[in-house]
Structures are given as structure tokens and as C-alpha cells.
Amino acid sequence: MPARPTWQGHLRLSLVTCPVALYTAVSSSGDVHFHMLNPKTGSRVKMVTTDPETGPVERSSLIKGYEIEKGRYITVTDEEIRSVRLESTRTIDIERFVDIDDIDRLYWNDPYFLVPDGKMAAEAYAVIREAMAQSGRIALGRVVLHTRERLLALEPREHGIVAYSLRTRGEVRDPAEFFRDVPEAKPDAGMIEIAAKIIEQLEGPFEPATFVDHYEDALKALIKAKDKGEKPKVAPAPRDTPASDLMDALRRSLQGGAAPPARREPARAAKPKTPARKTARRKAS
């Protein structure tokens, strides 16, 4: 578990409250990161904060400002920002329970692990978690993260609770803005039938371990090749299928017999599921 939580506060269900800590559920530690270098010296450059009128400025002396109109700012101090305290700054207050299918997948954002903060919190935390599990629903509450109030969807999982931050209505664009200009097409019924058979060939279970970042691997291979003085390989550009060749491409795809993903054999000593416990699960994307 990470040493530092993203947020610490309290979880409250009506009059039941317990201290909790929120930890990010994803890691980017393995990502490839590039630094900016001076091409003449090969040295890493430093970004210098600069005032266009007076020149370089010490970063430690900078203050925050909000532009209310072109070139006019209202400045605020860190102390003033900290003074803006909503209840959601320190408490995740469960407001309601909803069916998971009621939440459009466009609204799901980042996952977190919500855990009890200290041994004294364990019992109240367990009561809230088990009650949520038996309801079969997702709990909604609010929390302030990184100076923004976020709606959280709380889902019981194993002995803990997973929290997903949800996007606001203002953040999610209307799909109609993008789909209204998509031309209406009436595909040939035979083509749809062949495509459906191809889909059947590709059916398989969702196995997260098989989904690796091939682009990340390709970047590492590029770096390794250049370090050895080798010339990087260039991937061929994809070729679009013209309408006149669509049926032929579908038939050849079907004849090629795309092999379905390997299915894992079920564990021999699998533990039986407890029918009395109904746990809400996030709808697969």
C-alpha cells in the first residue's frame, strides 16, 4: 500500500461515521518518460519561470491568480484557498444509492481504494460495506480532491470498498454533437452475417493480464535499438478497406479463422461463492 494516501477524512452513512483514507488504484510508475535535452550539449534543460516584462522569477515567490478578464487577475493565497472548506473537504457523505446500470459509462473516471484509517474504524467501516453489499447498489457521495469537488461511486469489493470518481455533466460532451453527421448506411445483410461470425470467432473472457501496452513496449524497443546503434523499425501504415472490397475482405477474414483468445481452465480448488452476499459489480466496458 502506498505510504501517502490521496485523501484522508471520514465516511458517513446517516449517523454512522468512521475515519477513512483514499488511495489511487492505478500506477504509472512503469511509463516511459522523456526529458527535454539541449541538442548541442545533450544536457537536460531546466524550465525557468519568466515574467515577459522583467525576466526570470523565483518559483518560490509566485502567487496564484484567476483571470476574470483579459489581463486582469484576482490573486488568492494558499491560506484563503484552504479557508474554502465544504463538508466534502473532510467527509464523504453518502447521499443516495443507485443501480450500477443507471450510471452511463461516459461518467466513470479514476478508481481508488477506500480503506479504514486505523483499527478503531474497522467495525463501522465493515457495517457500511456489508450493508452496501446486501443492497446490491452503488453508493454516491462527494469529496474534494485536488481543489475540485468530485462525485464518488462507492462499490463494495472483497473486504474493502472501491471508489470511482465520476465526471460532472458539464465535463461530458453530448454524443449527438459528434454522431449527428455520421452518414446513415444500410449495410448488406450478408456482410453483417459474416461480420457476426467473425465476432463469434473472437469471443473470449476478459483477461487483464493479456492486455499489455504494446506502444510502451515499442518505445522501450526503440530506445534499446538506438542505444545499440541500430536503425529503428518503421511500422507499416494501415490500409483502409474500400467499399468495393468490403465483402471480399470479410470473407477472407472469416476463412482465415481468427483464433479465439485462449481460455483459462477453472481452478481446481476454487472456493464456492456465498449466495447470501450480493455484491454490486461495475458494468464491463
C-alpha atoms as a PDB file:
ATOM      1  CA  MET A   1       0.000   0.000   0.000  1.00  0.00           C
ATOM      2  CA  PRO A   2       1.360   3.484  -0.833  1.00  0.00           C
ATOM      3  CA  ALA A   3       2.811   5.390   2.107  1.00  0.00           C
ATOM      4  CA  ARG A   4       0.786   8.511   1.375  1.00  0.00           C
ATOM      5  CA  PRO A   5      -2.973   8.488   0.730  1.00  0.00           C
ATOM      6  CA  THR A   6      -4.544  10.780  -1.847  1.00  0.00           C
ATOM      7  CA  TRP A   7      -7.089  11.942   0.725  1.00  0.00           C
ATOM      8  CA  GLN A   8      -7.909  11.357   4.389  1.00  0.00           C
ATOM      9  CA  GLY A   9     -11.185  12.108   6.130  1.00  0.00           C
ATOM     10  CA  HIS A  10     -14.395  10.384   7.130  1.00  0.00           C
ATOM     11  CA  LEU A  11     -17.030   8.165   5.519  1.00  0.00           C
ATOM     12  CA  ARG A  12     -20.563   8.776   6.751  1.00  0.00           C
ATOM     13  CA  LEU A  13     -23.809   6.865   6.264  1.00  0.00           C
ATOM     14  CA  SER A  14     -26.528   8.829   8.065  1.00  0.00           C
ATOM     15  CA  LEU A  15     -25.317   8.897  11.699  1.00  0.00           C
ATOM     16  CA  VAL A  16     -22.607   6.235  11.281  1.00  0.00           C
ATOM     17  CA  THR A  17     -19.165   7.742  10.676  1.00  0.00           C
ATOM     18  CA  CYS A  18     -15.638   6.318  10.508  1.00  0.00           C
ATOM     19  CA  PRO A  19     -12.200   7.659   9.505  1.00  0.00           C
ATOM     20  CA  VAL A  20     -11.032   6.507   6.066  1.00  0.00           C
ATOM     21  CA  ALA A  21      -8.175   7.019   3.628  1.00  0.00           C
ATOM     22  CA  LEU A  22      -8.352   7.135  -0.160  1.00  0.00           C
ATOM     23  CA  TYR A  23      -5.550   5.617  -2.258  1.00  0.00           C
ATOM     24  CA  THR A  24      -5.231   5.734  -6.024  1.00  0.00           C
ATOM     25  CA  ALA A  25      -5.873   2.293  -7.534  1.00  0.00           C
ATOM     26  CA  VAL A  26      -3.666   2.725 -10.600  1.00  0.00           C
ATOM     27  CA  SER A  27       0.059   3.190 -11.083  1.00  0.00           C
ATOM     28  CA  SER A  28       2.072   4.909 -13.802  1.00  0.00           C
ATOM     29  CA  SER A  29       5.489   4.009 -12.393  1.00  0.00           C
ATOM     30  CA  GLY A  30       6.364   1.869 -15.427  1.00  0.00           C
ATOM     31  CA  ASP A  31       5.577   4.522 -18.033  1.00  0.00           C
ATOM     32  CA  VAL A  32       8.297   5.762 -20.369  1.00  0.00           C
ATOM     33  CA  HIS A  33       9.091   9.387 -19.577  1.00  0.00           C
ATOM     34  CA  PHE A  34      11.190  11.650 -21.791  1.00  0.00           C
ATOM     35  CA  HIS A  35      13.253  14.648 -20.699  1.00  0.00           C
ATOM     36  CA  MET A  36      13.937  17.733 -22.782  1.00  0.00           C
ATOM     37  CA  LEU A  37      17.619  17.991 -23.792  1.00  0.00           C
ATOM     38  CA  ASN A  38      19.805  20.629 -25.404  1.00  0.00           C
ATOM     39  CA  PRO A  39      20.677  19.096 -28.819  1.00  0.00           C
ATOM     40  CA  LYS A  40      24.050  20.902 -28.812  1.00  0.00           C
ATOM     41  CA  THR A  41      25.258  19.577 -25.449  1.00  0.00           C
ATOM     42  CA  GLY A  42      22.957  16.648 -24.681  1.00  0.00           C
ATOM     43  CA  SER A  43      22.310  18.156 -21.258  1.00  0.00           C
ATOM     44  CA  ARG A  44      18.890  18.180 -19.660  1.00  0.00           C
ATOM     45  CA  VAL A  45      17.373  21.653 -19.735  1.00  0.00           C
ATOM     46  CA  LYS A  46      15.540  23.354 -16.887  1.00  0.00           C
ATOM     47  CA  MET A  47      12.300  25.247 -17.350  1.00  0.00           C
ATOM     48  CA  VAL A  48      12.713  28.776 -15.992  1.00  0.00           C
ATOM     49  CA  THR A  49       9.687  30.775 -14.830  1.00  0.00           C
ATOM     50  CA  THR A  50       9.842  34.100 -16.632  1.00  0.00           C
ATOM     51  CA  ASP A  51       7.964  37.393 -16.495  1.00  0.00           C
ATOM     52  CA  PRO A  52       7.823  38.772 -20.070  1.00  0.00           C
ATOM     53  CA  GLU A  53       8.460  42.282 -18.681  1.00  0.00           C
ATOM     54  CA  THR A  54      11.132  41.724 -16.036  1.00  0.00           C
ATOM     55  CA  GLY A  55      12.696  38.343 -16.891  1.00  0.00           C
ATOM     56  CA  PRO A  56      13.266  35.232 -14.702  1.00  0.00           C
ATOM     57  CA  VAL A  57      11.299  34.967 -11.421  1.00  0.00           C
ATOM     58  CA  GLU A  58      11.968  32.696  -8.456  1.00  0.00           C
ATOM     59  CA  ARG A  59       9.296  29.986  -8.419  1.00  0.00           C
ATOM     60  CA  SER A  60       9.030  30.210  -4.619  1.00  0.00           C
ATOM     61  CA  SER A  61       7.875  33.842  -4.905  1.00  0.00           C
ATOM     62  CA  LEU A  62       4.981  33.131  -7.271  1.00  0.00           C
ATOM     63  CA  ILE A  63       1.344  33.612  -6.219  1.00  0.00           C
ATOM     64  CA  LYS A  64      -1.919  32.250  -7.662  1.00  0.00           C
ATOM     65  CA  GLY A  65      -4.225  34.382  -9.767  1.00  0.00           C
ATOM     66  CA  TYR A  66      -7.535  33.846 -11.568  1.00  0.00           C
ATOM     67  CA  GLU A  67      -8.085  35.732 -14.836  1.00  0.00           C
ATOM     68  CA  ILE A  68     -11.547  37.323 -14.696  1.00  0.00           C
ATOM     69  CA  GLU A  69     -10.986  39.242 -17.935  1.00  0.00           C
ATOM     70  CA  LYS A  70      -8.140  39.633 -20.411  1.00  0.00           C
ATOM     71  CA  GLY A  71      -5.035  40.687 -18.456  1.00  0.00           C
ATOM     72  CA  ARG A  72      -6.914  41.249 -15.170  1.00  0.00           C
ATOM     73  CA  TYR A  73      -6.388  38.786 -12.327  1.00  0.00           C
ATOM     74  CA  ILE A  74      -7.752  38.255  -8.841  1.00  0.00           C
ATOM     75  CA  THR A  75      -4.969  36.910  -6.624  1.00  0.00           C
ATOM     76  CA  VAL A  76      -5.573  34.432  -3.823  1.00  0.00           C
ATOM     77  CA  THR A  77      -3.280  32.997  -1.179  1.00  0.00           C
ATOM     78  CA  ASP A  78      -2.935  29.346  -0.186  1.00  0.00           C
ATOM     79  CA  GLU A  79      -4.430  30.234   3.194  1.00  0.00           C
ATOM     80  CA  GLU A  80      -7.504  31.745   1.502  1.00  0.00           C
ATOM     81  CA  ILE A  81      -7.918  28.627  -0.638  1.00  0.00           C
ATOM     82  CA  ARG A  82      -7.680  26.407   2.452  1.00  0.00           C
ATOM     83  CA  SER A  83     -10.354  28.548   4.125  1.00  0.00           C
ATOM     84  CA  VAL A  84     -12.887  27.446   1.482  1.00  0.00           C
ATOM     85  CA  ARG A  85     -13.980  24.336   3.321  1.00  0.00           C
ATOM     86  CA  LEU A  86     -17.050  22.428   2.231  1.00  0.00           C
ATOM     87  CA  GLU A  87     -18.161  19.466   4.282  1.00  0.00           C
ATOM     88  CA  SER A  88     -16.953  17.257   1.407  1.00  0.00           C
ATOM     89  CA  THR A  89     -13.427  18.545   2.074  1.00  0.00           C
ATOM     90  CA  ARG A  90     -13.201  16.215   5.047  1.00  0.00           C
ATOM     91  CA  THR A  91     -16.225  13.902   4.789  1.00  0.00           C
ATOM     92  CA  ILE A  92     -17.607  11.546   2.131  1.00  0.00           C
ATOM     93  CA  ASP A  93     -21.291  11.766   2.993  1.00  0.00           C
ATOM     94  CA  ILE A  94     -23.289   9.037   1.237  1.00  0.00           C
ATOM     95  CA  GLU A  95     -26.237  10.828  -0.365  1.00  0.00           C
ATOM     96  CA  ARG A  96     -28.073   8.035  -2.176  1.00  0.00           C
ATOM     97  CA  PHE A  97     -27.904   4.530  -3.616  1.00  0.00           C
ATOM     98  CA  VAL A  98     -28.415   3.763  -7.310  1.00  0.00           C
ATOM     99  CA  ASP A  99     -28.351   0.790  -9.656  1.00  0.00           C
ATOM    100  CA  ILE A 100     -24.970   0.496 -11.361  1.00  0.00           C
ATOM    101  CA  ASP A 101     -26.667   0.330 -14.765  1.00  0.00           C
ATOM    102  CA  ASP A 102     -28.080   3.810 -14.161  1.00  0.00           C
ATOM    103  CA  ILE A 103     -24.589   5.348 -14.422  1.00  0.00           C
ATOM    104  CA  ASP A 104     -23.586   5.961 -18.049  1.00  0.00           C
ATOM    105  CA  ARG A 105     -20.057   4.642 -18.696  1.00  0.00           C
ATOM    106  CA  LEU A 106     -19.115   8.080 -20.052  1.00  0.00           C
ATOM    107  CA  TYR A 107     -19.193   9.341 -16.470  1.00  0.00           C
ATOM    108  CA  TRP A 108     -16.826   6.780 -14.911  1.00  0.00           C
ATOM    109  CA  ASN A 109     -13.380   8.227 -14.220  1.00  0.00           C
ATOM    110  CA  ASP A 110     -10.489   7.204 -11.924  1.00  0.00           C
ATOM    111  CA  PRO A 111     -10.596   4.266  -9.459  1.00  0.00           C
ATOM    112  CA  TYR A 112      -9.475   4.491  -5.836  1.00  0.00           C
ATOM    113  CA  PHE A 113      -9.282   2.167  -2.833  1.00  0.00           C
ATOM    114  CA  LEU A 114     -11.190   3.430   0.195  1.00  0.00           C
ATOM    115  CA  VAL A 115      -9.910   1.803   3.390  1.00  0.00           C
ATOM    116  CA  PRO A 116     -10.488   2.314   7.130  1.00  0.00           C
ATOM    117  CA  ASP A 117      -7.956   4.676   8.667  1.00  0.00           C
ATOM    118  CA  GLY A 118      -6.947   2.976  11.895  1.00  0.00           C
ATOM    119  CA  LYS A 119      -8.153  -0.068  13.833  1.00  0.00           C
ATOM    120  CA  MET A 120     -10.925   1.871  15.595  1.00  0.00           C
ATOM    121  CA  ALA A 121     -12.590   2.456  12.216  1.00  0.00           C
ATOM    122  CA  ALA A 122     -12.750  -1.200  11.185  1.00  0.00           C
ATOM    123  CA  GLU A 123     -16.135  -2.124  12.686  1.00  0.00           C
ATOM    124  CA  ALA A 124     -18.107   0.887  11.439  1.00  0.00           C
ATOM    125  CA  TYR A 125     -16.421   0.541   8.039  1.00  0.00           C
ATOM    126  CA  ALA A 126     -17.427  -3.145   7.868  1.00  0.00           C
ATOM    127  CA  VAL A 127     -21.040  -2.327   8.755  1.00  0.00           C
ATOM    128  CA  ILE A 128     -21.287   0.230   5.942  1.00  0.00           C
ATOM    129  CA  ARG A 129     -19.546  -2.078   3.443  1.00  0.00           C
ATOM    130  CA  GLU A 130     -21.716  -5.105   4.241  1.00  0.00           C
ATOM    131  CA  ALA A 131     -24.925  -3.075   4.127  1.00  0.00           C
ATOM    132  CA  MET A 132     -23.891  -1.777   0.705  1.00  0.00           C
ATOM    133  CA  ALA A 133     -23.124  -5.302  -0.494  1.00  0.00           C
ATOM    134  CA  GLN A 134     -26.506  -6.622   0.599  1.00  0.00           C
ATOM    135  CA  SER A 135     -28.319  -3.751  -1.106  1.00  0.00           C
ATOM    136  CA  GLY A 136     -26.735  -4.653  -4.460  1.00  0.00           C
ATOM    137  CA  ARG A 137     -26.469  -0.960  -5.258  1.00  0.00           C
ATOM    138  CA  ILE A 138     -23.775   1.682  -5.742  1.00  0.00           C
ATOM    139  CA  ALA A 139     -23.422   4.448  -3.146  1.00  0.00           C
ATOM    140  CA  LEU A 140     -22.905   8.053  -4.237  1.00  0.00           C
ATOM    141  CA  GLY A 141     -21.053  10.647  -2.177  1.00  0.00           C
ATOM    142  CA  ARG A 142     -18.948  13.758  -2.675  1.00  0.00           C
ATOM    143  CA  VAL A 143     -15.330  14.567  -1.892  1.00  0.00           C
ATOM    144  CA  VAL A 144     -12.940  17.434  -2.626  1.00  0.00           C
ATOM    145  CA  LEU A 145      -9.855  16.160  -4.494  1.00  0.00           C
ATOM    146  CA  HIS A 146      -7.133  18.465  -5.834  1.00  0.00           C
ATOM    147  CA  THR A 147      -9.234  21.620  -5.249  1.00  0.00           C
ATOM    148  CA  ARG A 148     -12.256  20.152  -7.053  1.00  0.00           C
ATOM    149  CA  GLU A 149     -15.365  18.556  -5.633  1.00  0.00           C
ATOM    150  CA  ARG A 150     -15.926  15.148  -7.172  1.00  0.00           C
ATOM    151  CA  LEU A 151     -18.865  12.776  -7.060  1.00  0.00           C
ATOM    152  CA  LEU A 152     -17.759   9.317  -5.962  1.00  0.00           C
ATOM    153  CA  ALA A 153     -19.376   5.979  -6.748  1.00  0.00           C
ATOM    154  CA  LEU A 154     -18.632   3.546  -3.912  1.00  0.00           C
ATOM    155  CA  GLU A 155     -18.666  -0.183  -4.646  1.00  0.00           C
ATOM    156  CA  PRO A 156     -18.015  -2.952  -2.078  1.00  0.00           C
ATOM    157  CA  ARG A 157     -15.300  -5.357  -3.196  1.00  0.00           C
ATOM    158  CA  GLU A 158     -13.880  -8.256  -1.163  1.00  0.00           C
ATOM    159  CA  HIS A 159     -13.082  -6.823   2.292  1.00  0.00           C
ATOM    160  CA  GLY A 160     -12.957  -3.226   1.126  1.00  0.00           C
ATOM    161  CA  ILE A 161     -14.599  -0.507  -0.938  1.00  0.00           C
ATOM    162  CA  VAL A 162     -13.580   0.719  -4.380  1.00  0.00           C
ATOM    163  CA  ALA A 163     -14.405   4.351  -5.157  1.00  0.00           C
ATOM    164  CA  TYR A 164     -14.680   5.711  -8.681  1.00  0.00           C
ATOM    165  CA  SER A 165     -14.627   9.449  -9.298  1.00  0.00           C
ATOM    166  CA  LEU A 166     -17.426  10.442 -11.657  1.00  0.00           C
ATOM    167  CA  ARG A 167     -17.316  13.208 -14.230  1.00  0.00           C
ATOM    168  CA  THR A 168     -19.852  16.017 -13.976  1.00  0.00           C
ATOM    169  CA  ARG A 169     -22.496  16.673 -16.598  1.00  0.00           C
ATOM    170  CA  GLY A 170     -20.561  19.732 -17.758  1.00  0.00           C
ATOM    171  CA  GLU A 171     -17.463  17.609 -18.443  1.00  0.00           C
ATOM    172  CA  VAL A 172     -19.209  15.036 -20.616  1.00  0.00           C
ATOM    173  CA  ARG A 173     -19.867  16.146 -24.163  1.00  0.00           C
ATOM    174  CA  ASP A 174     -23.162  15.377 -25.865  1.00  0.00           C
ATOM    175  CA  PRO A 175     -22.639  12.353 -28.174  1.00  0.00           C
ATOM    176  CA  ALA A 176     -25.173  13.836 -30.602  1.00  0.00           C
ATOM    177  CA  GLU A 177     -22.700  16.625 -31.415  1.00  0.00           C
ATOM    178  CA  PHE A 178     -20.347  14.031 -32.894  1.00  0.00           C
ATOM    179  CA  PHE A 179     -22.730  11.390 -34.212  1.00  0.00           C
ATOM    180  CA  ARG A 180     -25.338  13.569 -35.915  1.00  0.00           C
ATOM    181  CA  ASP A 181     -23.178  13.964 -39.028  1.00  0.00           C
ATOM    182  CA  VAL A 182     -22.325  10.275 -39.323  1.00  0.00           C
ATOM    183  CA  PRO A 183     -23.867   9.222 -42.651  1.00  0.00           C
ATOM    184  CA  GLU A 184     -26.678   6.696 -42.398  1.00  0.00           C
ATOM    185  CA  ALA A 185     -25.689   3.460 -44.083  1.00  0.00           C
ATOM    186  CA  LYS A 186     -27.693   0.315 -44.759  1.00  0.00           C
ATOM    187  CA  PRO A 187     -25.106  -2.489 -44.803  1.00  0.00           C
ATOM    188  CA  ASP A 188     -25.767  -5.599 -46.827  1.00  0.00           C
ATOM    189  CA  ALA A 189     -27.380  -8.319 -44.695  1.00  0.00           C
ATOM    190  CA  GLY A 190     -24.822 -10.852 -45.921  1.00  0.00           C
ATOM    191  CA  MET A 191     -21.942  -8.641 -44.794  1.00  0.00           C
ATOM    192  CA  ILE A 192     -23.479  -8.249 -41.339  1.00  0.00           C
ATOM    193  CA  GLU A 193     -23.894 -12.022 -41.071  1.00  0.00           C
ATOM    194  CA  ILE A 194     -20.232 -12.626 -41.930  1.00  0.00           C
ATOM    195  CA  ALA A 195     -19.098  -9.909 -39.504  1.00  0.00           C
ATOM    196  CA  ALA A 196     -21.220 -11.524 -36.774  1.00  0.00           C
ATOM    197  CA  LYS A 197     -19.441 -14.864 -37.384  1.00  0.00           C
ATOM    198  CA  ILE A 198     -16.050 -13.126 -37.131  1.00  0.00           C
ATOM    199  CA  ILE A 199     -17.162 -11.682 -33.796  1.00  0.00           C
ATOM    200  CA  GLU A 200     -18.065 -15.186 -32.615  1.00  0.00           C
ATOM    201  CA  GLN A 201     -14.554 -16.369 -33.528  1.00  0.00           C
ATOM    202  CA  LEU A 202     -13.057 -13.612 -31.401  1.00  0.00           C
ATOM    203  CA  GLU A 203     -15.236 -14.172 -28.336  1.00  0.00           C
ATOM    204  CA  GLY A 204     -13.406 -14.897 -25.103  1.00  0.00           C
ATOM    205  CA  PRO A 205     -13.123 -13.940 -21.433  1.00  0.00           C
ATOM    206  CA  PHE A 206     -11.728 -10.615 -20.264  1.00  0.00           C
ATOM    207  CA  GLU A 207      -8.212 -11.358 -19.026  1.00  0.00           C
ATOM    208  CA  PRO A 208      -6.452  -8.151 -17.848  1.00  0.00           C
ATOM    209  CA  ALA A 209      -3.060  -9.903 -17.863  1.00  0.00           C
ATOM    210  CA  THR A 210      -3.271 -10.303 -21.657  1.00  0.00           C
ATOM    211  CA  PHE A 211      -3.826  -6.595 -22.268  1.00  0.00           C
ATOM    212  CA  VAL A 212      -0.365  -5.041 -22.254  1.00  0.00           C
ATOM    213  CA  ASP A 213       0.729  -1.666 -23.556  1.00  0.00           C
ATOM    214  CA  HIS A 214       2.288  -2.582 -26.905  1.00  0.00           C
ATOM    215  CA  TYR A 215       3.120   1.061 -27.601  1.00  0.00           C
ATOM    216  CA  GLU A 216       5.079   1.269 -24.355  1.00  0.00           C
ATOM    217  CA  ASP A 217       6.944  -1.914 -25.316  1.00  0.00           C
ATOM    218  CA  ALA A 218       7.651  -0.475 -28.768  1.00  0.00           C
ATOM    219  CA  LEU A 219       9.066   2.718 -27.241  1.00  0.00           C
ATOM    220  CA  LYS A 220      11.369   0.677 -24.989  1.00  0.00           C
ATOM    221  CA  ALA A 221      12.447  -1.399 -28.005  1.00  0.00           C
ATOM    222  CA  LEU A 222      13.152   1.812 -29.929  1.00  0.00           C
ATOM    223  CA  ILE A 223      15.306   3.150 -27.087  1.00  0.00           C
ATOM    224  CA  LYS A 224      17.143  -0.174 -26.752  1.00  0.00           C
ATOM    225  CA  ALA A 225      17.799  -0.353 -30.512  1.00  0.00           C
ATOM    226  CA  LYS A 226      19.134   3.210 -30.649  1.00  0.00           C
ATOM    227  CA  ASP A 227      21.353   2.517 -27.658  1.00  0.00           C
ATOM    228  CA  LYS A 228      22.904  -0.336 -29.675  1.00  0.00           C
ATOM    229  CA  GLY A 229      23.283   1.890 -32.726  1.00  0.00           C
ATOM    230  CA  GLU A 230      20.616   0.008 -34.658  1.00  0.00           C
ATOM    231  CA  LYS A 231      18.164   1.638 -37.043  1.00  0.00           C
ATOM    232  CA  PRO A 232      14.604   1.717 -35.659  1.00  0.00           C
ATOM    233  CA  LYS A 233      11.988  -0.330 -37.496  1.00  0.00           C
ATOM    234  CA  VAL A 234       9.102   1.588 -39.041  1.00  0.00           C
ATOM    235  CA  ALA A 235       5.645   0.022 -38.730  1.00  0.00           C
ATOM    236  CA  PRO A 236       3.669  -0.153 -41.976  1.00  0.00           C
ATOM    237  CA  ALA A 237       0.712   2.206 -42.283  1.00  0.00           C
ATOM    238  CA  PRO A 238      -2.723   0.535 -42.182  1.00  0.00           C
ATOM    239  CA  ARG A 239      -4.677   0.256 -45.424  1.00  0.00           C
ATOM    240  CA  ASP A 240      -8.320   1.263 -45.431  1.00  0.00           C
ATOM    241  CA  THR A 241     -10.828  -1.125 -46.995  1.00  0.00           C
ATOM    242  CA  PRO A 242     -12.756   0.466 -49.894  1.00  0.00           C
ATOM    243  CA  ALA A 243     -16.467  -0.304 -50.168  1.00  0.00           C
ATOM    244  CA  SER A 244     -15.861  -2.309 -53.339  1.00  0.00           C
ATOM    245  CA  ASP A 245     -13.560  -4.710 -51.465  1.00  0.00           C
ATOM    246  CA  LEU A 246     -15.543  -4.937 -48.219  1.00  0.00           C
ATOM    247  CA  MET A 247     -17.327  -8.229 -48.927  1.00  0.00           C
ATOM    248  CA  ASP A 248     -14.113  -9.872 -50.130  1.00  0.00           C
ATOM    249  CA  ALA A 249     -12.260  -8.679 -47.025  1.00  0.00           C
ATOM    250  CA  LEU A 250     -14.989 -10.054 -44.762  1.00  0.00           C
ATOM    251  CA  ARG A 251     -14.949 -13.445 -46.478  1.00  0.00           C
ATOM    252  CA  ARG A 252     -11.172 -13.702 -46.309  1.00  0.00           C
ATOM    253  CA  SER A 253     -11.268 -12.730 -42.632  1.00  0.00           C
ATOM    254  CA  LEU A 254     -13.781 -15.484 -41.931  1.00  0.00           C
ATOM    255  CA  GLN A 255     -11.828 -18.059 -43.936  1.00  0.00           C
ATOM    256  CA  GLY A 256      -8.687 -17.064 -42.071  1.00  0.00           C
ATOM    257  CA  GLY A 257     -10.376 -18.431 -38.944  1.00  0.00           C
ATOM    258  CA  ALA A 258      -9.279 -15.816 -36.420  1.00  0.00           C
ATOM    259  CA  ALA A 259      -8.437 -17.909 -33.380  1.00  0.00           C
ATOM    260  CA  PRO A 260     -10.349 -17.024 -30.207  1.00  0.00           C
ATOM    261  CA  PRO A 261      -8.351 -15.911 -27.166  1.00  0.00           C
ATOM    262  CA  ALA A 262      -7.022 -18.770 -25.045  1.00  0.00           C
ATOM    263  CA  ARG A 263      -9.402 -19.657 -22.263  1.00  0.00           C
ATOM    264  CA  ARG A 264      -8.011 -20.371 -18.844  1.00  0.00           C
ATOM    265  CA  GLU A 265      -9.030 -23.591 -17.155  1.00  0.00           C
ATOM    266  CA  PRO A 266     -11.011 -23.027 -13.947  1.00  0.00           C
ATOM    267  CA  ALA A 267      -9.069 -23.514 -10.734  1.00  0.00           C
ATOM    268  CA  ARG A 268      -9.499 -26.994  -9.298  1.00  0.00           C
ATOM    269  CA  ALA A 269      -9.752 -25.791  -5.728  1.00  0.00           C
ATOM    270  CA  ALA A 270     -11.973 -22.810  -6.413  1.00  0.00           C
ATOM    271  CA  LYS A 271     -13.821 -21.526  -3.376  1.00  0.00           C
ATOM    272  CA  PRO A 272     -17.611 -21.696  -3.651  1.00  0.00           C
ATOM    273  CA  LYS A 273     -19.440 -18.389  -3.896  1.00  0.00           C
ATOM    274  CA  THR A 274     -21.573 -17.318  -0.976  1.00  0.00           C
ATOM    275  CA  PRO A 275     -25.126 -16.924  -2.299  1.00  0.00           C
ATOM    276  CA  ALA A 276     -26.234 -14.803   0.656  1.00  0.00           C
ATOM    277  CA  ARG A 277     -23.934 -11.934  -0.300  1.00  0.00           C
ATOM    278  CA  LYS A 278     -24.933  -9.879  -3.304  1.00  0.00           C
ATOM    279  CA  THR A 279     -22.126  -7.555  -4.356  1.00  0.00           C
ATOM    280  CA  ALA A 280     -22.677  -4.844  -6.928  1.00  0.00           C
ATOM    281  CA  ARG A 281     -20.211  -5.058  -9.766  1.00  0.00           C
ATOM    282  CA  ARG A 282     -19.199  -2.415 -12.209  1.00  0.00           C
ATOM    283  CA  LYS A 283     -20.594  -2.978 -15.683  1.00  0.00           C
ATOM    284  CA  ALA A 284     -17.873  -4.130 -18.078  1.00  0.00           C
ATOM    285  CA  SER A 285     -16.834  -1.558 -20.643  1.00  0.00           C
END
